[in-house]
Amino acid sequence: MKTLSPIISAMITEKSSMAQGTGKYTFVVNKDATKVDIKNAVKKLYGTDVASVNIMVTPKKIRVLKGKYDWAKRPSYKKAIVTLKGKKTIDPNKLKEPKAK
């Protein structure tokens, strides 16, 4: 792993907010992050055990803006859906600082 943490930010949408009730949290992660890297980062940052990690890559989207000769571009990104063990809950917006050794 090249960076300090593979987790860039929490993704807060309607669908991800509803999934938080069942223990599933959605994060935007680095493109070179693996499932093991994400699992270790969640355990280190939030102090909870992870049951599973699902990863998906959202493709870039290019479209023409209405009434203009211009293109709107949305970059591609990688997101991870992390399922926690048991009935644990976390606040995905507040990252706990890792302890220095």
PDB file of N, CA and C in Angstrom:
ATOM      1  N   MET A   1       0.842  -1.172   0.000  1.00  0.00           N
ATOM      2  CA  MET A   1       0.000   0.000   0.000  1.00  0.00           C
ATOM      3  C   MET A   1       0.887   1.234   0.000  1.00  0.00           C
ATOM      4  N   LYS A   2       0.645   2.134  -0.943  1.00  0.00           N
ATOM      5  CA  LYS A   2       1.508   3.280  -1.139  1.00  0.00           C
ATOM      6  C   LYS A   2       1.116   4.474  -0.269  1.00  0.00           C
ATOM      7  N   THR A   3      -0.152   4.636   0.034  1.00  0.00           N
ATOM      8  CA  THR A   3      -0.602   5.796   0.790  1.00  0.00           C
ATOM      9  C   THR A   3      -0.817   5.425   2.248  1.00  0.00           C
ATOM     10  N   LEU A   4      -1.077   6.441   3.052  1.00  0.00           N
ATOM     11  CA  LEU A   4      -1.275   6.223   4.471  1.00  0.00           C
ATOM     12  C   LEU A   4      -2.556   5.446   4.745  1.00  0.00           C
ATOM     13  N   SER A   5      -3.640   5.830   4.108  1.00  0.00           N
ATOM     14  CA  SER A   5      -4.912   5.144   4.278  1.00  0.00           C
ATOM     15  C   SER A   5      -5.607   5.050   2.928  1.00  0.00           C
ATOM     16  N   PRO A   6      -6.168   3.872   2.588  1.00  0.00           N
ATOM     17  CA  PRO A   6      -6.854   3.749   1.300  1.00  0.00           C
ATOM     18  C   PRO A   6      -8.207   4.432   1.273  1.00  0.00           C
ATOM     19  N   ILE A   7      -8.752   4.798   2.422  1.00  0.00           N
ATOM     20  CA  ILE A   7     -10.073   5.420   2.483  1.00  0.00           C
ATOM     21  C   ILE A   7      -9.940   6.917   2.224  1.00  0.00           C
ATOM     22  N   ILE A   8     -10.639   7.414   1.201  1.00  0.00           N
ATOM     23  CA  ILE A   8     -10.609   8.840   0.871  1.00  0.00           C
ATOM     24  C   ILE A   8     -11.685   9.574   1.658  1.00  0.00           C
ATOM     25  N   SER A   9     -12.932   9.102   1.562  1.00  0.00           N
ATOM     26  CA  SER A   9     -14.033   9.749   2.277  1.00  0.00           C
ATOM     27  C   SER A   9     -15.206   8.787   2.375  1.00  0.00           C
ATOM     28  N   ALA A  10     -16.166   9.153   3.201  1.00  0.00           N
ATOM     29  CA  ALA A  10     -17.409   8.394   3.303  1.00  0.00           C
ATOM     30  C   ALA A  10     -18.360   8.884   2.222  1.00  0.00           C
ATOM     31  N   MET A  11     -19.134   7.965   1.665  1.00  0.00           N
ATOM     32  CA  MET A  11     -20.119   8.317   0.649  1.00  0.00           C
ATOM     33  C   MET A  11     -21.493   8.339   1.322  1.00  0.00           C
ATOM     34  N   ILE A  12     -22.094   9.505   1.365  1.00  0.00           N
ATOM     35  CA  ILE A  12     -23.396   9.663   2.009  1.00  0.00           C
ATOM     36  C   ILE A  12     -24.434   9.952   0.938  1.00  0.00           C
ATOM     37  N   THR A  13     -25.244   8.948   0.626  1.00  0.00           N
ATOM     38  CA  THR A  13     -26.372   9.091  -0.281  1.00  0.00           C
ATOM     39  C   THR A  13     -27.596   8.508   0.413  1.00  0.00           C
ATOM     40  N   GLU A  14     -28.734   8.609  -0.230  1.00  0.00           N
ATOM     41  CA  GLU A  14     -29.940   8.031   0.358  1.00  0.00           C
ATOM     42  C   GLU A  14     -29.800   6.524   0.539  1.00  0.00           C
ATOM     43  N   LYS A  15     -29.316   5.882  -0.490  1.00  0.00           N
ATOM     44  CA  LYS A  15     -29.189   4.430  -0.466  1.00  0.00           C
ATOM     45  C   LYS A  15     -28.162   3.974   0.576  1.00  0.00           C
ATOM     46  N   SER A  16     -27.024   4.672   0.656  1.00  0.00           N
ATOM     47  CA  SER A  16     -26.012   4.272   1.628  1.00  0.00           C
ATOM     48  C   SER A  16     -26.451   4.586   3.054  1.00  0.00           C
ATOM     49  N   SER A  17     -27.221   5.657   3.242  1.00  0.00           N
ATOM     50  CA  SER A  17     -27.722   5.982   4.576  1.00  0.00           C
ATOM     51  C   SER A  17     -28.714   4.939   5.074  1.00  0.00           C
ATOM     52  N   MET A  18     -29.538   4.410   4.183  1.00  0.00           N
ATOM     53  CA  MET A  18     -30.477   3.363   4.575  1.00  0.00           C
ATOM     54  C   MET A  18     -29.749   2.062   4.882  1.00  0.00           C
ATOM     55  N   ALA A  19     -28.653   1.798   4.175  1.00  0.00           N
ATOM     56  CA  ALA A  19     -27.886   0.574   4.416  1.00  0.00           C
ATOM     57  C   ALA A  19     -27.115   0.622   5.724  1.00  0.00           C
ATOM     58  N   GLN A  20     -26.871   1.810   6.262  1.00  0.00           N
ATOM     59  CA  GLN A  20     -26.158   1.922   7.534  1.00  0.00           C
ATOM     60  C   GLN A  20     -26.944   1.302   8.678  1.00  0.00           C
ATOM     61  N   GLY A  21     -28.253   1.223   8.552  1.00  0.00           N
ATOM     62  CA  GLY A  21     -29.069   0.585   9.573  1.00  0.00           C
ATOM     63  C   GLY A  21     -28.815  -0.909   9.682  1.00  0.00           C
ATOM     64  N   THR A  22     -28.333  -1.517   8.607  1.00  0.00           N
ATOM     65  CA  THR A  22     -28.031  -2.951   8.621  1.00  0.00           C
ATOM     66  C   THR A  22     -26.543  -3.226   8.810  1.00  0.00           C
ATOM     67  N   GLY A  23     -25.745  -2.171   9.067  1.00  0.00           N
ATOM     68  CA  GLY A  23     -24.325  -2.361   9.329  1.00  0.00           C
ATOM     69  C   GLY A  23     -23.448  -2.300   8.094  1.00  0.00           C
ATOM     70  N   LYS A  24     -23.936  -1.710   6.994  1.00  0.00           N
ATOM     71  CA  LYS A  24     -23.156  -1.570   5.771  1.00  0.00           C
ATOM     72  C   LYS A  24     -22.821  -0.098   5.557  1.00  0.00           C
ATOM     73  N   TYR A  25     -21.534   0.180   5.381  1.00  0.00           N
ATOM     74  CA  TYR A  25     -21.056   1.553   5.221  1.00  0.00           C
ATOM     75  C   TYR A  25     -20.313   1.672   3.897  1.00  0.00           C
ATOM     76  N   THR A  26     -20.512   2.783   3.189  1.00  0.00           N
ATOM     77  CA  THR A  26     -19.935   2.980   1.871  1.00  0.00           C
ATOM     78  C   THR A  26     -18.846   4.051   1.946  1.00  0.00           C
ATOM     79  N   PHE A  27     -17.682   3.730   1.357  1.00  0.00           N
ATOM     80  CA  PHE A  27     -16.542   4.635   1.350  1.00  0.00           C
ATOM     81  C   PHE A  27     -16.006   4.769  -0.069  1.00  0.00           C
ATOM     82  N   VAL A  28     -15.503   5.963  -0.405  1.00  0.00           N
ATOM     83  CA  VAL A  28     -14.740   6.167  -1.634  1.00  0.00           C
ATOM     84  C   VAL A  28     -13.296   5.840  -1.281  1.00  0.00           C
ATOM     85  N   VAL A  29     -12.668   4.961  -2.071  1.00  0.00           N
ATOM     86  CA  VAL A  29     -11.322   4.487  -1.758  1.00  0.00           C
ATOM     87  C   VAL A  29     -10.385   4.743  -2.935  1.00  0.00           C
ATOM     88  N   ASN A  30      -9.087   4.604  -2.686  1.00  0.00           N
ATOM     89  CA  ASN A  30      -8.094   4.740  -3.752  1.00  0.00           C
ATOM     90  C   ASN A  30      -8.271   3.631  -4.769  1.00  0.00           C
ATOM     91  N   LYS A  31      -7.898   3.914  -6.006  1.00  0.00           N
ATOM     92  CA  LYS A  31      -8.083   2.929  -7.072  1.00  0.00           C
ATOM     93  C   LYS A  31      -7.172   1.730  -6.927  1.00  0.00           C
ATOM     94  N   ASP A  32      -6.039   1.866  -6.253  1.00  0.00           N
ATOM     95  CA  ASP A  32      -5.126   0.744  -6.101  1.00  0.00           C
ATOM     96  C   ASP A  32      -5.326  -0.013  -4.786  1.00  0.00           C
ATOM     97  N   ALA A  33      -6.363   0.318  -4.020  1.00  0.00           N
ATOM     98  CA  ALA A  33      -6.631  -0.346  -2.745  1.00  0.00           C
ATOM     99  C   ALA A  33      -7.275  -1.711  -2.977  1.00  0.00           C
ATOM    100  N   THR A  34      -6.876  -2.679  -2.149  1.00  0.00           N
ATOM    101  CA  THR A  34      -7.456  -4.015  -2.209  1.00  0.00           C
ATOM    102  C   THR A  34      -8.431  -4.201  -1.049  1.00  0.00           C
ATOM    103  N   LYS A  35      -9.142  -5.328  -1.064  1.00  0.00           N
ATOM    104  CA  LYS A  35     -10.093  -5.608   0.007  1.00  0.00           C
ATOM    105  C   LYS A  35      -9.395  -5.728   1.354  1.00  0.00           C
ATOM    106  N   VAL A  36      -8.227  -6.328   1.364  1.00  0.00           N
ATOM    107  CA  VAL A  36      -7.478  -6.500   2.608  1.00  0.00           C
ATOM    108  C   VAL A  36      -7.016  -5.143   3.144  1.00  0.00           C
ATOM    109  N   ASP A  37      -6.555  -4.254   2.255  1.00  0.00           N
ATOM    110  CA  ASP A  37      -6.143  -2.913   2.668  1.00  0.00           C
ATOM    111  C   ASP A  37      -7.306  -2.148   3.296  1.00  0.00           C
ATOM    112  N   ILE A  38      -8.475  -2.232   2.683  1.00  0.00           N
ATOM    113  CA  ILE A  38      -9.654  -1.522   3.182  1.00  0.00           C
ATOM    114  C   ILE A  38     -10.099  -2.095   4.523  1.00  0.00           C
ATOM    115  N   LYS A  39     -10.069  -3.404   4.640  1.00  0.00           N
ATOM    116  CA  LYS A  39     -10.459  -4.060   5.895  1.00  0.00           C
ATOM    117  C   LYS A  39      -9.537  -3.645   7.035  1.00  0.00           C
ATOM    118  N   ASN A  40      -8.235  -3.621   6.778  1.00  0.00           N
ATOM    119  CA  ASN A  40      -7.284  -3.213   7.804  1.00  0.00           C
ATOM    120  C   ASN A  40      -7.418  -1.738   8.152  1.00  0.00           C
ATOM    121  N   ALA A  41      -7.720  -0.891   7.164  1.00  0.00           N
ATOM    122  CA  ALA A  41      -7.877   0.541   7.414  1.00  0.00           C
ATOM    123  C   ALA A  41      -9.109   0.822   8.269  1.00  0.00           C
ATOM    124  N   VAL A  42     -10.215   0.130   8.009  1.00  0.00           N
ATOM    125  CA  VAL A  42     -11.431   0.335   8.812  1.00  0.00           C
ATOM    126  C   VAL A  42     -11.188  -0.129  10.242  1.00  0.00           C
ATOM    127  N   LYS A  43     -10.498  -1.243  10.393  1.00  0.00           N
ATOM    128  CA  LYS A  43     -10.197  -1.736  11.739  1.00  0.00           C
ATOM    129  C   LYS A  43      -9.291  -0.763  12.485  1.00  0.00           C
ATOM    130  N   LYS A  44      -8.321  -0.174  11.775  1.00  0.00           N
ATOM    131  CA  LYS A  44      -7.381   0.758  12.398  1.00  0.00           C
ATOM    132  C   LYS A  44      -8.035   2.103  12.714  1.00  0.00           C
ATOM    133  N   LEU A  45      -8.855   2.632  11.788  1.00  0.00           N
ATOM    134  CA  LEU A  45      -9.440   3.959  11.966  1.00  0.00           C
ATOM    135  C   LEU A  45     -10.652   3.972  12.894  1.00  0.00           C
ATOM    136  N   TYR A  46     -11.476   2.925  12.835  1.00  0.00           N
ATOM    137  CA  TYR A  46     -12.709   2.912  13.621  1.00  0.00           C
ATOM    138  C   TYR A  46     -12.690   1.925  14.772  1.00  0.00           C
ATOM    139  N   GLY A  47     -11.749   0.986  14.787  1.00  0.00           N
ATOM    140  CA  GLY A  47     -11.644   0.038  15.890  1.00  0.00           C
ATOM    141  C   GLY A  47     -12.731  -1.020  15.906  1.00  0.00           C
ATOM    142  N   THR A  48     -13.289  -1.376  14.765  1.00  0.00           N
ATOM    143  CA  THR A  48     -14.327  -2.402  14.693  1.00  0.00           C
ATOM    144  C   THR A  48     -13.892  -3.512  13.744  1.00  0.00           C
ATOM    145  N   ASP A  49     -14.461  -4.698  13.951  1.00  0.00           N
ATOM    146  CA  ASP A  49     -14.161  -5.832  13.082  1.00  0.00           C
ATOM    147  C   ASP A  49     -15.045  -5.784  11.840  1.00  0.00           C
ATOM    148  N   VAL A  50     -14.482  -6.214  10.719  1.00  0.00           N
ATOM    149  CA  VAL A  50     -15.167  -6.173   9.436  1.00  0.00           C
ATOM    150  C   VAL A  50     -15.534  -7.593   9.023  1.00  0.00           C
ATOM    151  N   ALA A  51     -16.794  -7.797   8.628  1.00  0.00           N
ATOM    152  CA  ALA A  51     -17.237  -9.109   8.168  1.00  0.00           C
ATOM    153  C   ALA A  51     -16.899  -9.304   6.693  1.00  0.00           C
ATOM    154  N   SER A  52     -17.189  -8.306   5.852  1.00  0.00           N
ATOM    155  CA  SER A  52     -16.897  -8.436   4.425  1.00  0.00           C
ATOM    156  C   SER A  52     -16.710  -7.062   3.795  1.00  0.00           C
ATOM    157  N   VAL A  53     -16.026  -7.078   2.636  1.00  0.00           N
ATOM    158  CA  VAL A  53     -15.788  -5.860   1.868  1.00  0.00           C
ATOM    159  C   VAL A  53     -16.163  -6.151   0.418  1.00  0.00           C
ATOM    160  N   ASN A  54     -17.042  -5.342  -0.153  1.00  0.00           N
ATOM    161  CA  ASN A  54     -17.404  -5.434  -1.568  1.00  0.00           C
ATOM    162  C   ASN A  54     -16.902  -4.178  -2.264  1.00  0.00           C
ATOM    163  N   ILE A  55     -16.252  -4.367  -3.420  1.00  0.00           N
ATOM    164  CA  ILE A  55     -15.646  -3.266  -4.145  1.00  0.00           C
ATOM    165  C   ILE A  55     -16.284  -3.146  -5.524  1.00  0.00           C
ATOM    166  N   MET A  56     -16.490  -1.902  -5.970  1.00  0.00           N
ATOM    167  CA  MET A  56     -16.965  -1.670  -7.330  1.00  0.00           C
ATOM    168  C   MET A  56     -16.339  -0.397  -7.874  1.00  0.00           C
ATOM    169  N   VAL A  57     -16.124  -0.378  -9.183  1.00  0.00           N
ATOM    170  CA  VAL A  57     -15.554   0.778  -9.862  1.00  0.00           C
ATOM    171  C   VAL A  57     -16.660   1.417 -10.688  1.00  0.00           C
ATOM    172  N   THR A  58     -16.908   2.700 -10.435  1.00  0.00           N
ATOM    173  CA  THR A  58     -17.910   3.445 -11.183  1.00  0.00           C
ATOM    174  C   THR A  58     -17.218   4.059 -12.392  1.00  0.00           C
ATOM    175  N   PRO A  59     -17.678   3.788 -13.616  1.00  0.00           N
ATOM    176  CA  PRO A  59     -16.990   4.317 -14.807  1.00  0.00           C
ATOM    177  C   PRO A  59     -17.202   5.811 -14.969  1.00  0.00           C
ATOM    178  N   LYS A  60     -16.291   6.424 -15.731  1.00  0.00           N
ATOM    179  CA  LYS A  60     -16.431   7.853 -15.995  1.00  0.00           C
ATOM    180  C   LYS A  60     -17.621   8.081 -16.921  1.00  0.00           C
ATOM    181  N   LYS A  61     -18.159   9.289 -16.869  1.00  0.00           N
ATOM    182  CA  LYS A  61     -19.325   9.617 -17.675  1.00  0.00           C
ATOM    183  C   LYS A  61     -19.082  10.939 -18.365  1.00  0.00           C
ATOM    184  N   ILE A  62     -19.312  10.969 -19.653  1.00  0.00           N
ATOM    185  CA  ILE A  62     -19.153  12.183 -20.445  1.00  0.00           C
ATOM    186  C   ILE A  62     -20.497  12.476 -21.110  1.00  0.00           C
ATOM    187  N   ARG A  63     -20.956  13.724 -21.001  1.00  0.00           N
ATOM    188  CA  ARG A  63     -22.226  14.084 -21.636  1.00  0.00           C
ATOM    189  C   ARG A  63     -22.162  15.516 -22.117  1.00  0.00           C
ATOM    190  N   VAL A  64     -23.040  15.847 -23.042  1.00  0.00           N
ATOM    191  CA  VAL A  64     -23.107  17.186 -23.614  1.00  0.00           C
ATOM    192  C   VAL A  64     -24.074  18.018 -22.780  1.00  0.00           C
ATOM    193  N   LEU A  65     -23.655  19.219 -22.424  1.00  0.00           N
ATOM    194  CA  LEU A  65     -24.523  20.111 -21.680  1.00  0.00           C
ATOM    195  C   LEU A  65     -25.576  20.702 -22.610  1.00  0.00           C
ATOM    196  N   LYS A  66     -26.759  20.914 -22.091  1.00  0.00           N
ATOM    197  CA  LYS A  66     -27.872  21.396 -22.898  1.00  0.00           C
ATOM    198  C   LYS A  66     -27.648  22.839 -23.341  1.00  0.00           C
ATOM    199  N   GLY A  67     -27.754  23.052 -24.644  1.00  0.00           N
ATOM    200  CA  GLY A  67     -27.665  24.393 -25.197  1.00  0.00           C
ATOM    201  C   GLY A  67     -26.261  24.941 -25.313  1.00  0.00           C
ATOM    202  N   LYS A  68     -25.254  24.128 -25.030  1.00  0.00           N
ATOM    203  CA  LYS A  68     -23.876  24.610 -25.109  1.00  0.00           C
ATOM    204  C   LYS A  68     -23.053  23.610 -25.905  1.00  0.00           C
ATOM    205  N   TYR A  69     -21.960  24.092 -26.426  1.00  0.00           N
ATOM    206  CA  TYR A  69     -21.003  23.196 -27.056  1.00  0.00           C
ATOM    207  C   TYR A  69     -19.917  22.872 -26.044  1.00  0.00           C
ATOM    208  N   ASP A  70     -20.302  22.183 -24.997  1.00  0.00           N
ATOM    209  CA  ASP A  70     -19.382  21.898 -23.901  1.00  0.00           C
ATOM    210  C   ASP A  70     -19.648  20.483 -23.395  1.00  0.00           C
ATOM    211  N   TRP A  71     -18.639  19.864 -22.830  1.00  0.00           N
ATOM    212  CA  TRP A  71     -18.759  18.518 -22.284  1.00  0.00           C
ATOM    213  C   TRP A  71     -18.681  18.576 -20.771  1.00  0.00           C
ATOM    214  N   ALA A  72     -19.514  17.794 -20.118  1.00  0.00           N
ATOM    215  CA  ALA A  72     -19.436  17.641 -18.666  1.00  0.00           C
ATOM    216  C   ALA A  72     -18.821  16.281 -18.399  1.00  0.00           C
ATOM    217  N   LYS A  73     -17.807  16.243 -17.570  1.00  0.00           N
ATOM    218  CA  LYS A  73     -17.099  14.998 -17.311  1.00  0.00           C
ATOM    219  C   LYS A  73     -17.178  14.655 -15.836  1.00  0.00           C
ATOM    220  N   ARG A  74     -17.485  13.407 -15.540  1.00  0.00           N
ATOM    221  CA  ARG A  74     -17.454  12.889 -14.180  1.00  0.00           C
ATOM    222  C   ARG A  74     -16.363  11.831 -14.135  1.00  0.00           C
ATOM    223  N   PRO A  75     -15.378  11.971 -13.275  1.00  0.00           N
ATOM    224  CA  PRO A  75     -14.294  10.992 -13.271  1.00  0.00           C
ATOM    225  C   PRO A  75     -14.751   9.646 -12.717  1.00  0.00           C
ATOM    226  N   SER A  76     -14.004   8.603 -13.056  1.00  0.00           N
ATOM    227  CA  SER A  76     -14.304   7.294 -12.489  1.00  0.00           C
ATOM    228  C   SER A  76     -13.726   7.229 -11.082  1.00  0.00           C
ATOM    229  N   TYR A  77     -14.339   6.431 -10.221  1.00  0.00           N
ATOM    230  CA  TYR A  77     -13.854   6.262  -8.863  1.00  0.00           C
ATOM    231  C   TYR A  77     -14.175   4.858  -8.390  1.00  0.00           C
ATOM    232  N   LYS A  78     -13.539   4.460  -7.310  1.00  0.00           N
ATOM    233  CA  LYS A  78     -13.723   3.133  -6.732  1.00  0.00           C
ATOM    234  C   LYS A  78     -14.383   3.311  -5.374  1.00  0.00           C
ATOM    235  N   LYS A  79     -15.412   2.513  -5.120  1.00  0.00           N
ATOM    236  CA  LYS A  79     -16.060   2.593  -3.825  1.00  0.00           C
ATOM    237  C   LYS A  79     -16.128   1.207  -3.195  1.00  0.00           C
ATOM    238  N   ALA A  80     -16.175   1.195  -1.883  1.00  0.00           N
ATOM    239  CA  ALA A  80     -16.204  -0.052  -1.132  1.00  0.00           C
ATOM    240  C   ALA A  80     -17.382  -0.033  -0.166  1.00  0.00           C
ATOM    241  N   ILE A  81     -18.107  -1.145  -0.125  1.00  0.00           N
ATOM    242  CA  ILE A  81     -19.192  -1.316   0.841  1.00  0.00           C
ATOM    243  C   ILE A  81     -18.679  -2.272   1.904  1.00  0.00           C
ATOM    244  N   VAL A  82     -18.556  -1.758   3.124  1.00  0.00           N
ATOM    245  CA  VAL A  82     -17.973  -2.509   4.236  1.00  0.00           C
ATOM    246  C   VAL A  82     -19.097  -2.951   5.157  1.00  0.00           C
ATOM    247  N   THR A  83     -19.166  -4.254   5.434  1.00  0.00           N
ATOM    248  CA  THR A  83     -20.146  -4.815   6.364  1.00  0.00           C
ATOM    249  C   THR A  83     -19.446  -5.135   7.666  1.00  0.00           C
ATOM    250  N   LEU A  84     -19.974  -4.611   8.775  1.00  0.00           N
ATOM    251  CA  LEU A  84     -19.372  -4.835  10.085  1.00  0.00           C
ATOM    252  C   LEU A  84     -19.930  -6.087  10.731  1.00  0.00           C
ATOM    253  N   LYS A  85     -19.120  -6.686  11.611  1.00  0.00           N
ATOM    254  CA  LYS A  85     -19.551  -7.876  12.344  1.00  0.00           C
ATOM    255  C   LYS A  85     -20.477  -7.471  13.480  1.00  0.00           C
ATOM    256  N   GLY A  86     -21.478  -8.297  13.725  1.00  0.00           N
ATOM    257  CA  GLY A  86     -22.387  -8.066  14.838  1.00  0.00           C
ATOM    258  C   GLY A  86     -23.253  -6.837  14.643  1.00  0.00           C
ATOM    259  N   LYS A  87     -23.628  -6.229  15.756  1.00  0.00           N
ATOM    260  CA  LYS A  87     -24.501  -5.048  15.743  1.00  0.00           C
ATOM    261  C   LYS A  87     -23.706  -3.766  15.952  1.00  0.00           C
ATOM    262  N   LYS A  88     -22.459  -3.743  15.530  1.00  0.00           N
ATOM    263  CA  LYS A  88     -21.602  -2.573  15.713  1.00  0.00           C
ATOM    264  C   LYS A  88     -22.037  -1.447  14.786  1.00  0.00           C
ATOM    265  N   THR A  89     -21.868  -0.204  15.251  1.00  0.00           N
ATOM    266  CA  THR A  89     -22.141   0.973  14.438  1.00  0.00           C
ATOM    267  C   THR A  89     -20.950   1.926  14.543  1.00  0.00           C
ATOM    268  N   ILE A  90     -20.742   2.702  13.500  1.00  0.00           N
ATOM    269  CA  ILE A  90     -19.687   3.712  13.490  1.00  0.00           C
ATOM    270  C   ILE A  90     -20.254   4.995  12.916  1.00  0.00           C
ATOM    271  N   ASP A  91     -19.550   6.091  13.125  1.00  0.00           N
ATOM    272  CA  ASP A  91     -19.883   7.345  12.475  1.00  0.00           C
ATOM    273  C   ASP A  91     -18.881   7.516  11.341  1.00  0.00           C
ATOM    274  N   PRO A  92     -19.283   7.278  10.081  1.00  0.00           N
ATOM    275  CA  PRO A  92     -18.314   7.288   8.987  1.00  0.00           C
ATOM    276  C   PRO A  92     -17.694   8.653   8.703  1.00  0.00           C
ATOM    277  N   ASN A  93     -18.305   9.735   9.169  1.00  0.00           N
ATOM    278  CA  ASN A  93     -17.758  11.063   8.919  1.00  0.00           C
ATOM    279  C   ASN A  93     -16.641  11.437   9.887  1.00  0.00           C
ATOM    280  N   LYS A  94     -16.579  10.775  11.036  1.00  0.00           N
ATOM    281  CA  LYS A  94     -15.564  11.090  12.032  1.00  0.00           C
ATOM    282  C   LYS A  94     -14.545   9.967  12.070  1.00  0.00           C
ATOM    283  N   LEU A  95     -13.348  10.291  11.643  1.00  0.00           N
ATOM    284  CA  LEU A  95     -12.270   9.314  11.658  1.00  0.00           C
ATOM    285  C   LEU A  95     -11.528   9.406  12.976  1.00  0.00           C
ATOM    286  N   LYS A  96     -11.287   8.246  13.604  1.00  0.00           N
ATOM    287  CA  LYS A  96     -10.519   8.197  14.818  1.00  0.00           C
ATOM    288  C   LYS A  96      -9.046   8.188  14.450  1.00  0.00           C
ATOM    289  N   GLU A  97      -8.254   9.003  15.115  1.00  0.00           N
ATOM    290  CA  GLU A  97      -6.829   9.087  14.820  1.00  0.00           C
ATOM    291  C   GLU A  97      -6.145   7.785  15.248  1.00  0.00           C
ATOM    292  N   PRO A  98      -5.325   7.191  14.363  1.00  0.00           N
ATOM    293  CA  PRO A  98      -4.608   5.981  14.745  1.00  0.00           C
ATOM    294  C   PRO A  98      -3.557   6.300  15.812  1.00  0.00           C
ATOM    295  N   LYS A  99      -3.341   5.334  16.700  1.00  0.00           N
ATOM    296  CA  LYS A  99      -2.351   5.520  17.753  1.00  0.00           C
ATOM    297  C   LYS A  99      -0.951   5.331  17.183  1.00  0.00           C
ATOM    298  N   ALA A 100      -0.062   6.230  17.557  1.00  0.00           N
ATOM    299  CA  ALA A 100       1.320   6.146  17.093  1.00  0.00           C
ATOM    300  C   ALA A 100       2.082   5.195  18.006  1.00  0.00           C
ATOM    301  N   LYS A 101       2.921   4.385  17.375  1.00  0.00           N
ATOM    302  CA  LYS A 101       3.704   3.418  18.167  1.00  0.00           C
ATOM    303  C   LYS A 101       5.123   3.876  18.296  1.00  0.00           C
TER     304      LYS A 101
END
